[in-house]
């Protein structure tokens, strides 16, 4: 699997032209070379510009955590996946490796699963901007649960409306 990187601005413009000229071919190649798929797509893109309806990668299946974390373990396992800078300059930054992130995400996913969270469930996450927020979001994705992030900066009624509107199974 080759990671698709744009090295410089001229390459960006060249790739942009390719993506506009033949989007099906361009995105088929990018998706094929850069992601791990459980099931390959039957059609790259289908669109109706009059209806403003676009469908990408029809019938394809993947799990984003496999692509964000798992596939990097053998090559980048001990390298930093997340750098967290605290608001307080006296606190030290955290450098979380791919292996550590993998472990944290799996533990959190197991806790969520043990608490009854399944694919399609909605989970509201009420956390500040700390590493556990990203871990919990990835754990939800690993299970196929949908997450909604809510913060202390929201009013009580804003928090309540978000939790109720999405019919959260868990906060």
N, C-alpha and C. Protein backbone atom coordinates (compact mmCIF):
# COMPACT_ATOMS: atom_id res chain seq x y z
N UNK A 1 0.84 -1.18 0.00
CA UNK A 1 0.00 0.00 0.00
C UNK A 1 0.89 1.24 0.00
N UNK A 2 0.65 2.14 -0.92
CA UNK A 2 1.42 3.37 -1.03
C UNK A 2 0.60 4.50 -0.44
N UNK A 3 1.22 5.30 0.38
CA UNK A 3 0.52 6.46 0.92
C UNK A 3 0.58 7.58 -0.10
N UNK A 4 -0.56 8.12 -0.40
CA UNK A 4 -0.66 9.20 -1.37
C UNK A 4 -0.27 10.51 -0.71
N UNK A 5 0.81 11.09 -1.16
CA UNK A 5 1.28 12.36 -0.61
C UNK A 5 1.42 13.39 -1.73
N UNK A 6 1.09 14.60 -1.42
CA UNK A 6 1.34 15.70 -2.34
C UNK A 6 2.58 16.40 -1.81
N UNK A 7 3.63 16.36 -2.60
CA UNK A 7 4.94 16.86 -2.16
C UNK A 7 5.10 18.37 -2.29
N UNK A 8 4.41 18.97 -3.27
CA UNK A 8 4.60 20.40 -3.49
C UNK A 8 3.39 20.97 -4.24
N UNK A 9 3.36 22.27 -4.39
CA UNK A 9 2.23 22.95 -5.03
C UNK A 9 2.05 22.54 -6.50
N UNK A 10 3.12 22.42 -7.30
CA UNK A 10 2.91 21.97 -8.68
C UNK A 10 2.25 20.59 -8.76
N UNK A 11 2.64 19.69 -7.86
CA UNK A 11 2.01 18.36 -7.85
C UNK A 11 0.53 18.48 -7.48
N UNK A 12 0.23 19.36 -6.54
CA UNK A 12 -1.16 19.58 -6.17
C UNK A 12 -1.99 19.99 -7.39
N UNK A 13 -1.50 20.97 -8.14
CA UNK A 13 -2.25 21.44 -9.31
C UNK A 13 -2.36 20.35 -10.37
N UNK A 14 -1.33 19.56 -10.54
CA UNK A 14 -1.36 18.46 -11.51
C UNK A 14 -2.41 17.43 -11.09
N UNK A 15 -2.40 17.04 -9.82
CA UNK A 15 -3.37 16.07 -9.33
C UNK A 15 -4.79 16.64 -9.35
N UNK A 16 -4.90 17.91 -9.06
CA UNK A 16 -6.22 18.54 -9.11
C UNK A 16 -6.79 18.44 -10.53
N UNK A 17 -5.97 18.72 -11.52
CA UNK A 17 -6.42 18.62 -12.93
C UNK A 17 -6.87 17.19 -13.24
N UNK A 18 -6.10 16.20 -12.78
CA UNK A 18 -6.47 14.80 -13.00
C UNK A 18 -7.80 14.47 -12.33
N UNK A 19 -8.00 14.99 -11.12
CA UNK A 19 -9.23 14.69 -10.38
C UNK A 19 -10.46 15.31 -11.05
N UNK A 20 -10.27 16.43 -11.70
CA UNK A 20 -11.38 17.09 -12.39
C UNK A 20 -11.63 16.43 -13.75
N UNK A 21 -10.56 16.10 -14.44
CA UNK A 21 -10.69 15.50 -15.78
C UNK A 21 -11.34 14.12 -15.72
N UNK A 22 -10.91 13.30 -14.77
CA UNK A 22 -11.47 11.96 -14.66
C UNK A 22 -11.57 11.57 -13.19
N UNK A 23 -12.59 12.08 -12.49
CA UNK A 23 -12.69 11.83 -11.05
C UNK A 23 -12.82 10.35 -10.69
N UNK A 24 -13.50 9.58 -11.51
CA UNK A 24 -13.66 8.15 -11.21
C UNK A 24 -12.31 7.44 -11.19
N UNK A 25 -11.52 7.68 -12.21
CA UNK A 25 -10.20 7.04 -12.29
C UNK A 25 -9.27 7.54 -11.17
N UNK A 26 -9.27 8.85 -10.96
CA UNK A 26 -8.39 9.44 -9.96
C UNK A 26 -8.69 8.91 -8.57
N UNK A 27 -9.97 8.99 -8.13
CA UNK A 27 -10.32 8.59 -6.77
C UNK A 27 -10.29 7.08 -6.59
N UNK A 28 -10.52 6.33 -7.66
CA UNK A 28 -10.37 4.87 -7.60
C UNK A 28 -8.94 4.52 -7.23
N UNK A 29 -7.99 5.16 -7.87
CA UNK A 29 -6.58 4.90 -7.60
C UNK A 29 -6.17 5.34 -6.20
N UNK A 30 -6.59 6.54 -5.81
CA UNK A 30 -6.25 7.03 -4.47
C UNK A 30 -6.82 6.10 -3.39
N UNK A 31 -8.09 5.74 -3.53
CA UNK A 31 -8.75 4.88 -2.53
C UNK A 31 -8.12 3.49 -2.50
N UNK A 32 -7.79 2.97 -3.67
CA UNK A 32 -7.21 1.62 -3.75
C UNK A 32 -5.82 1.56 -3.12
N UNK A 33 -5.04 2.61 -3.31
CA UNK A 33 -3.66 2.60 -2.84
C UNK A 33 -3.48 3.07 -1.40
N UNK A 34 -4.48 3.69 -0.82
CA UNK A 34 -4.26 4.36 0.46
C UNK A 34 -5.15 3.90 1.61
N UNK A 35 -6.07 2.99 1.36
CA UNK A 35 -6.97 2.56 2.42
C UNK A 35 -7.09 1.05 2.44
N UNK A 36 -7.39 0.53 3.61
CA UNK A 36 -7.67 -0.89 3.78
C UNK A 36 -9.19 -1.02 3.74
N UNK A 37 -9.69 -1.82 2.82
CA UNK A 37 -11.13 -1.97 2.62
C UNK A 37 -11.54 -3.38 3.02
N UNK A 38 -12.66 -3.50 3.72
CA UNK A 38 -13.23 -4.82 4.00
C UNK A 38 -13.97 -5.31 2.76
N UNK A 39 -14.56 -4.37 2.05
CA UNK A 39 -15.28 -4.69 0.82
C UNK A 39 -15.04 -3.57 -0.18
N UNK A 40 -14.59 -3.95 -1.37
CA UNK A 40 -14.32 -2.97 -2.42
C UNK A 40 -15.64 -2.43 -2.98
N UNK A 41 -15.59 -1.26 -3.51
CA UNK A 41 -16.76 -0.58 -4.05
C UNK A 41 -17.19 -1.19 -5.39
N UNK A 42 -18.46 -1.04 -5.68
CA UNK A 42 -18.97 -1.47 -6.99
C UNK A 42 -18.95 -0.31 -7.97
N UNK A 43 -18.94 0.91 -7.45
CA UNK A 43 -18.90 2.11 -8.29
C UNK A 43 -18.21 3.20 -7.48
N UNK A 44 -17.24 3.89 -8.10
CA UNK A 44 -16.49 4.93 -7.40
C UNK A 44 -17.39 6.11 -7.05
N UNK A 45 -18.06 6.65 -8.04
CA UNK A 45 -18.92 7.81 -7.79
C UNK A 45 -20.11 7.78 -8.74
N UNK A 46 -21.23 8.18 -8.22
CA UNK A 46 -22.44 8.35 -9.02
C UNK A 46 -23.02 9.68 -8.61
N UNK A 47 -23.32 10.53 -9.59
CA UNK A 47 -23.84 11.84 -9.22
C UNK A 47 -24.91 12.30 -10.20
N UNK A 48 -25.80 13.09 -9.65
CA UNK A 48 -26.85 13.75 -10.40
C UNK A 48 -26.79 15.21 -9.97
N UNK A 49 -26.18 16.05 -10.79
CA UNK A 49 -25.99 17.45 -10.42
C UNK A 49 -27.31 18.22 -10.39
N UNK A 50 -28.31 17.77 -11.13
CA UNK A 50 -29.62 18.42 -11.09
C UNK A 50 -30.31 18.20 -9.75
N UNK A 51 -30.10 17.02 -9.18
CA UNK A 51 -30.68 16.68 -7.87
C UNK A 51 -29.72 16.98 -6.73
N UNK A 52 -28.50 17.38 -7.06
CA UNK A 52 -27.44 17.60 -6.07
C UNK A 52 -27.25 16.35 -5.20
N UNK A 53 -27.20 15.20 -5.87
CA UNK A 53 -27.05 13.92 -5.17
C UNK A 53 -25.76 13.24 -5.64
N UNK A 54 -24.88 12.97 -4.70
CA UNK A 54 -23.60 12.35 -5.01
C UNK A 54 -23.39 11.17 -4.08
N UNK A 55 -23.03 10.03 -4.63
CA UNK A 55 -22.74 8.83 -3.85
C UNK A 55 -21.33 8.38 -4.18
N UNK A 56 -20.50 8.25 -3.15
CA UNK A 56 -19.11 7.82 -3.33
C UNK A 56 -18.94 6.38 -2.85
N UNK A 57 -18.15 5.61 -3.58
CA UNK A 57 -17.72 4.26 -3.19
C UNK A 57 -18.90 3.38 -2.78
N UNK A 58 -19.83 3.23 -3.71
CA UNK A 58 -21.05 2.45 -3.47
C UNK A 58 -20.71 1.03 -3.08
N UNK A 59 -21.36 0.56 -2.02
CA UNK A 59 -21.23 -0.79 -1.46
C UNK A 59 -19.88 -1.07 -0.79
N UNK A 60 -19.03 -0.08 -0.68
CA UNK A 60 -17.72 -0.29 -0.04
C UNK A 60 -17.88 -0.32 1.47
N UNK A 61 -16.96 -1.04 2.12
CA UNK A 61 -16.96 -1.10 3.58
C UNK A 61 -15.53 -0.97 4.08
N UNK A 62 -15.38 -0.10 5.09
CA UNK A 62 -14.09 0.04 5.77
C UNK A 62 -14.36 0.50 7.18
N UNK A 63 -13.33 0.42 8.00
CA UNK A 63 -13.41 0.98 9.33
C UNK A 63 -12.28 1.98 9.44
N UNK A 64 -12.62 3.21 9.74
CA UNK A 64 -11.64 4.28 9.72
C UNK A 64 -10.54 4.06 10.75
N UNK A 65 -10.83 3.39 11.87
CA UNK A 65 -9.78 3.17 12.86
C UNK A 65 -8.72 2.21 12.34
N UNK A 66 -9.12 1.28 11.52
CA UNK A 66 -8.13 0.38 10.90
C UNK A 66 -7.18 1.20 10.02
N UNK A 67 -7.73 2.21 9.35
CA UNK A 67 -6.92 3.05 8.47
C UNK A 67 -6.14 4.12 9.21
N UNK A 68 -6.68 4.61 10.32
CA UNK A 68 -6.00 5.65 11.09
C UNK A 68 -4.94 5.09 12.03
N UNK A 69 -5.16 3.89 12.54
CA UNK A 69 -4.27 3.35 13.57
C UNK A 69 -3.67 2.01 13.16
N UNK A 70 -4.51 1.00 13.02
CA UNK A 70 -4.06 -0.39 12.90
C UNK A 70 -3.03 -0.60 11.80
N UNK A 71 -3.26 -0.04 10.65
CA UNK A 71 -2.35 -0.29 9.52
C UNK A 71 -0.97 0.35 9.71
N UNK A 72 -0.85 1.23 10.68
CA UNK A 72 0.43 1.91 10.93
C UNK A 72 1.27 1.21 12.00
N UNK A 73 0.71 0.22 12.67
CA UNK A 73 1.39 -0.39 13.82
C UNK A 73 2.73 -1.02 13.47
N UNK A 74 2.83 -1.75 12.38
CA UNK A 74 4.08 -2.45 12.08
C UNK A 74 5.20 -1.51 11.68
N UNK A 75 4.88 -0.44 10.98
CA UNK A 75 5.92 0.47 10.49
C UNK A 75 6.16 1.63 11.47
N UNK A 76 5.08 2.17 12.02
CA UNK A 76 5.18 3.37 12.85
C UNK A 76 4.80 3.13 14.31
N UNK A 77 4.76 1.92 14.76
CA UNK A 77 4.24 1.57 16.07
C UNK A 77 4.70 2.42 17.22
N UNK A 78 5.99 2.70 17.30
CA UNK A 78 6.52 3.48 18.41
C UNK A 78 6.62 4.97 18.08
N UNK A 79 6.28 5.34 16.88
CA UNK A 79 6.30 6.76 16.51
C UNK A 79 5.06 7.46 17.06
N UNK A 80 5.14 8.75 17.15
CA UNK A 80 4.07 9.54 17.72
C UNK A 80 2.88 9.64 16.77
N UNK A 81 1.71 9.30 17.29
CA UNK A 81 0.46 9.43 16.54
C UNK A 81 -0.26 10.71 16.93
N UNK A 82 -0.19 11.06 18.21
CA UNK A 82 -0.86 12.26 18.72
C UNK A 82 0.10 13.02 19.64
N UNK A 83 0.18 14.31 19.42
CA UNK A 83 0.88 15.19 20.35
C UNK A 83 -0.20 16.08 20.97
N UNK A 84 -0.28 16.04 22.29
CA UNK A 84 -1.25 16.87 22.99
C UNK A 84 -0.53 17.92 23.80
N UNK A 85 -0.86 19.17 23.52
CA UNK A 85 -0.29 20.31 24.23
C UNK A 85 -1.32 20.83 25.23
N UNK A 86 -1.00 20.81 26.52
CA UNK A 86 -1.95 21.31 27.51
C UNK A 86 -2.05 22.83 27.49
N UNK A 87 -3.14 23.35 28.03
CA UNK A 87 -3.31 24.80 28.11
C UNK A 87 -2.34 25.42 29.11
N UNK A 88 -2.05 24.69 30.17
CA UNK A 88 -1.14 25.18 31.20
C UNK A 88 0.30 24.94 30.76
N UNK A 89 1.08 26.00 30.54
CA UNK A 89 2.47 25.83 30.07
C UNK A 89 3.37 25.08 31.06
N UNK A 90 2.92 24.95 32.31
CA UNK A 90 3.70 24.22 33.30
C UNK A 90 3.53 22.70 33.14
N UNK A 91 2.44 22.31 32.48
CA UNK A 91 2.22 20.89 32.24
C UNK A 91 3.02 20.45 31.03
N UNK A 92 3.38 19.19 31.02
CA UNK A 92 4.18 18.64 29.93
C UNK A 92 3.27 18.12 28.81
N UNK A 93 3.73 18.26 27.58
CA UNK A 93 2.98 17.73 26.44
C UNK A 93 3.00 16.20 26.50
N UNK A 94 1.96 15.60 25.94
CA UNK A 94 1.91 14.14 25.83
C UNK A 94 2.22 13.74 24.40
N UNK A 95 3.06 12.74 24.25
CA UNK A 95 3.34 12.14 22.95
C UNK A 95 2.82 10.71 23.02
N UNK A 96 1.78 10.43 22.26
CA UNK A 96 1.13 9.12 22.30
C UNK A 96 1.51 8.36 21.03
N UNK A 97 2.13 7.21 21.19
CA UNK A 97 2.55 6.40 20.05
C UNK A 97 1.35 5.69 19.42
N UNK A 98 1.56 5.17 18.21
CA UNK A 98 0.50 4.40 17.56
C UNK A 98 0.12 3.19 18.41
N UNK A 99 1.12 2.50 18.99
CA UNK A 99 0.81 1.35 19.84
C UNK A 99 -0.02 1.75 21.05
N UNK A 100 0.38 2.84 21.70
CA UNK A 100 -0.37 3.29 22.88
C UNK A 100 -1.78 3.73 22.49
N UNK A 101 -1.91 4.43 21.38
CA UNK A 101 -3.22 4.86 20.90
C UNK A 101 -4.09 3.64 20.59
N UNK A 102 -3.51 2.66 19.93
CA UNK A 102 -4.21 1.41 19.60
C UNK A 102 -4.75 0.76 20.88
N UNK A 103 -3.89 0.67 21.89
CA UNK A 103 -4.28 0.06 23.16
C UNK A 103 -5.40 0.84 23.83
N UNK A 104 -5.25 2.16 23.89
CA UNK A 104 -6.27 3.01 24.53
C UNK A 104 -7.61 2.92 23.81
N UNK A 105 -7.57 2.96 22.48
CA UNK A 105 -8.81 2.90 21.69
C UNK A 105 -9.50 1.56 21.90
N UNK A 106 -8.74 0.47 21.87
CA UNK A 106 -9.34 -0.85 22.05
C UNK A 106 -9.93 -1.02 23.45
N UNK A 107 -9.22 -0.53 24.47
CA UNK A 107 -9.76 -0.61 25.83
C UNK A 107 -11.06 0.17 25.94
N UNK A 108 -11.07 1.37 25.38
CA UNK A 108 -12.28 2.20 25.44
C UNK A 108 -13.41 1.56 24.65
N UNK A 109 -13.10 1.01 23.48
CA UNK A 109 -14.13 0.32 22.67
C UNK A 109 -14.70 -0.87 23.45
N UNK A 110 -13.84 -1.60 24.15
CA UNK A 110 -14.32 -2.73 24.94
C UNK A 110 -15.24 -2.28 26.07
N UNK A 111 -14.90 -1.18 26.72
CA UNK A 111 -15.76 -0.64 27.78
C UNK A 111 -17.11 -0.24 27.20
N UNK A 112 -17.08 0.47 26.07
CA UNK A 112 -18.33 0.89 25.44
C UNK A 112 -19.17 -0.32 25.04
N UNK A 113 -18.53 -1.34 24.47
CA UNK A 113 -19.23 -2.56 24.06
C UNK A 113 -19.84 -3.25 25.29
N UNK A 114 -19.05 -3.34 26.37
CA UNK A 114 -19.56 -3.95 27.60
C UNK A 114 -20.74 -3.18 28.18
N UNK A 115 -20.81 -1.89 27.87
CA UNK A 115 -21.91 -1.06 28.36
C UNK A 115 -23.09 -1.04 27.37
N UNK A 116 -23.00 -1.87 26.32
CA UNK A 116 -24.11 -2.04 25.40
C UNK A 116 -24.07 -1.23 24.13
N UNK A 117 -22.98 -0.54 23.85
CA UNK A 117 -22.90 0.26 22.62
C UNK A 117 -22.60 -0.66 21.44
N UNK A 118 -23.40 -0.51 20.38
CA UNK A 118 -23.28 -1.33 19.17
C UNK A 118 -23.24 -0.44 17.94
N UNK A 119 -22.99 -1.07 16.81
CA UNK A 119 -22.99 -0.38 15.53
C UNK A 119 -24.32 0.36 15.35
N UNK A 120 -24.22 1.64 14.97
CA UNK A 120 -25.40 2.45 14.72
C UNK A 120 -25.89 3.24 15.92
N UNK A 121 -25.44 2.86 17.13
CA UNK A 121 -25.84 3.62 18.32
C UNK A 121 -25.21 5.01 18.27
N UNK A 122 -25.87 5.95 18.96
CA UNK A 122 -25.34 7.30 19.06
C UNK A 122 -24.81 7.54 20.47
N UNK A 123 -23.61 8.13 20.53
CA UNK A 123 -22.94 8.41 21.79
C UNK A 123 -22.56 9.88 21.81
N UNK A 124 -22.97 10.59 22.85
CA UNK A 124 -22.52 11.97 23.04
C UNK A 124 -21.31 11.94 23.95
N UNK A 125 -20.27 12.63 23.54
CA UNK A 125 -19.02 12.66 24.30
C UNK A 125 -18.87 14.04 24.91
N UNK A 126 -18.85 14.07 26.25
CA UNK A 126 -18.75 15.33 26.99
C UNK A 126 -17.38 15.37 27.64
N UNK A 127 -16.39 15.83 26.90
CA UNK A 127 -15.01 15.90 27.38
C UNK A 127 -14.36 17.19 26.88
N UNK A 128 -13.39 17.68 27.62
CA UNK A 128 -12.61 18.82 27.12
C UNK A 128 -11.64 18.34 26.03
N UNK A 129 -10.86 19.25 25.52
CA UNK A 129 -9.90 18.92 24.45
C UNK A 129 -8.66 18.23 25.06
N UNK A 130 -8.84 16.97 25.39
CA UNK A 130 -7.78 16.14 25.96
C UNK A 130 -7.64 14.89 25.10
N UNK A 131 -6.55 14.15 25.22
CA UNK A 131 -6.37 12.96 24.38
C UNK A 131 -7.53 11.96 24.47
N UNK A 132 -8.16 11.86 25.63
CA UNK A 132 -9.26 10.92 25.80
C UNK A 132 -10.44 11.24 24.88
N UNK A 133 -10.57 12.48 24.46
CA UNK A 133 -11.62 12.84 23.51
C UNK A 133 -11.38 12.13 22.18
N UNK A 134 -10.16 12.25 21.65
CA UNK A 134 -9.83 11.57 20.39
C UNK A 134 -9.94 10.06 20.54
N UNK A 135 -9.47 9.54 21.67
CA UNK A 135 -9.54 8.10 21.92
C UNK A 135 -11.00 7.63 21.91
N UNK A 136 -11.88 8.36 22.56
CA UNK A 136 -13.29 7.97 22.63
C UNK A 136 -13.95 8.07 21.26
N UNK A 137 -13.62 9.11 20.51
CA UNK A 137 -14.17 9.24 19.15
C UNK A 137 -13.75 8.05 18.29
N UNK A 138 -12.47 7.68 18.37
CA UNK A 138 -11.98 6.54 17.59
C UNK A 138 -12.59 5.22 18.08
N UNK A 139 -12.81 5.09 19.39
CA UNK A 139 -13.45 3.89 19.93
C UNK A 139 -14.87 3.76 19.40
N UNK A 140 -15.59 4.87 19.34
CA UNK A 140 -16.94 4.84 18.76
C UNK A 140 -16.88 4.38 17.31
N UNK A 141 -15.95 4.95 16.55
CA UNK A 141 -15.81 4.58 15.14
C UNK A 141 -15.46 3.10 14.99
N UNK A 142 -14.62 2.60 15.87
CA UNK A 142 -14.22 1.19 15.81
C UNK A 142 -15.45 0.28 15.95
N UNK A 143 -16.40 0.70 16.79
CA UNK A 143 -17.61 -0.09 17.00
C UNK A 143 -18.69 0.19 15.95
N UNK A 144 -18.50 1.25 15.17
CA UNK A 144 -19.53 1.63 14.21
C UNK A 144 -20.60 2.51 14.83
N UNK A 145 -20.31 3.05 16.01
CA UNK A 145 -21.24 3.96 16.68
C UNK A 145 -20.99 5.38 16.18
N UNK A 146 -22.02 6.18 16.19
CA UNK A 146 -21.94 7.57 15.77
C UNK A 146 -21.68 8.41 17.01
N UNK A 147 -20.75 9.36 16.92
CA UNK A 147 -20.48 10.20 18.08
C UNK A 147 -20.83 11.65 17.80
N UNK A 148 -21.17 12.34 18.88
CA UNK A 148 -21.41 13.77 18.83
C UNK A 148 -20.66 14.37 20.01
N UNK A 149 -19.81 15.34 19.74
CA UNK A 149 -19.00 15.96 20.80
C UNK A 149 -19.73 17.17 21.35
N UNK A 150 -19.85 17.21 22.67
CA UNK A 150 -20.45 18.36 23.35
C UNK A 150 -19.44 18.86 24.37
N UNK A 151 -19.43 20.17 24.60
CA UNK A 151 -18.44 20.79 25.47
C UNK A 151 -19.10 21.56 26.60
N UNK A 152 -18.33 21.84 27.63
CA UNK A 152 -18.81 22.63 28.76
C UNK A 152 -19.19 24.05 28.34
N UNK A 153 -18.69 24.50 27.20
CA UNK A 153 -19.03 25.83 26.70
C UNK A 153 -20.46 25.93 26.21
N UNK A 154 -21.12 24.79 25.98
CA UNK A 154 -22.52 24.80 25.57
C UNK A 154 -23.40 25.07 26.79
N UNK A 155 -24.49 25.76 26.58
CA UNK A 155 -25.45 25.96 27.67
C UNK A 155 -26.13 24.62 27.98
N UNK A 156 -26.76 24.56 29.14
CA UNK A 156 -27.45 23.33 29.53
C UNK A 156 -28.51 22.95 28.50
N UNK A 157 -29.24 23.93 27.98
CA UNK A 157 -30.28 23.62 26.99
C UNK A 157 -29.66 23.15 25.67
N UNK A 158 -28.50 23.70 25.30
CA UNK A 158 -27.83 23.26 24.07
C UNK A 158 -27.35 21.82 24.21
N UNK A 159 -26.81 21.48 25.38
CA UNK A 159 -26.37 20.11 25.63
C UNK A 159 -27.58 19.17 25.58
N UNK A 160 -28.64 19.55 26.27
CA UNK A 160 -29.85 18.72 26.31
C UNK A 160 -30.44 18.51 24.92
N UNK A 161 -30.49 19.57 24.12
CA UNK A 161 -31.07 19.43 22.79
C UNK A 161 -30.23 18.52 21.90
N UNK A 162 -28.91 18.60 22.01
CA UNK A 162 -28.05 17.73 21.21
C UNK A 162 -28.20 16.26 21.62
N UNK A 163 -28.23 16.03 22.92
CA UNK A 163 -28.38 14.66 23.42
C UNK A 163 -29.73 14.09 23.00
N UNK A 164 -30.78 14.89 23.15
CA UNK A 164 -32.13 14.41 22.80
C UNK A 164 -32.32 14.29 21.30
N UNK A 165 -31.85 15.26 20.54
CA UNK A 165 -32.04 15.24 19.08
C UNK A 165 -31.39 14.03 18.43
N UNK A 166 -30.22 13.64 18.92
CA UNK A 166 -29.55 12.50 18.29
C UNK A 166 -29.98 11.18 18.92
N UNK A 167 -30.83 11.25 19.92
CA UNK A 167 -31.32 10.06 20.63
C UNK A 167 -30.14 9.24 21.13
N UNK A 168 -29.25 9.92 21.85
CA UNK A 168 -28.03 9.27 22.35
C UNK A 168 -28.37 8.11 23.27
N UNK A 169 -27.70 7.01 23.05
CA UNK A 169 -27.83 5.85 23.93
C UNK A 169 -26.97 6.04 25.17
N UNK A 170 -25.91 6.86 25.02
CA UNK A 170 -24.99 7.08 26.13
C UNK A 170 -24.40 8.47 26.03
N UNK A 171 -24.18 9.07 27.17
CA UNK A 171 -23.44 10.34 27.25
C UNK A 171 -22.19 10.06 28.04
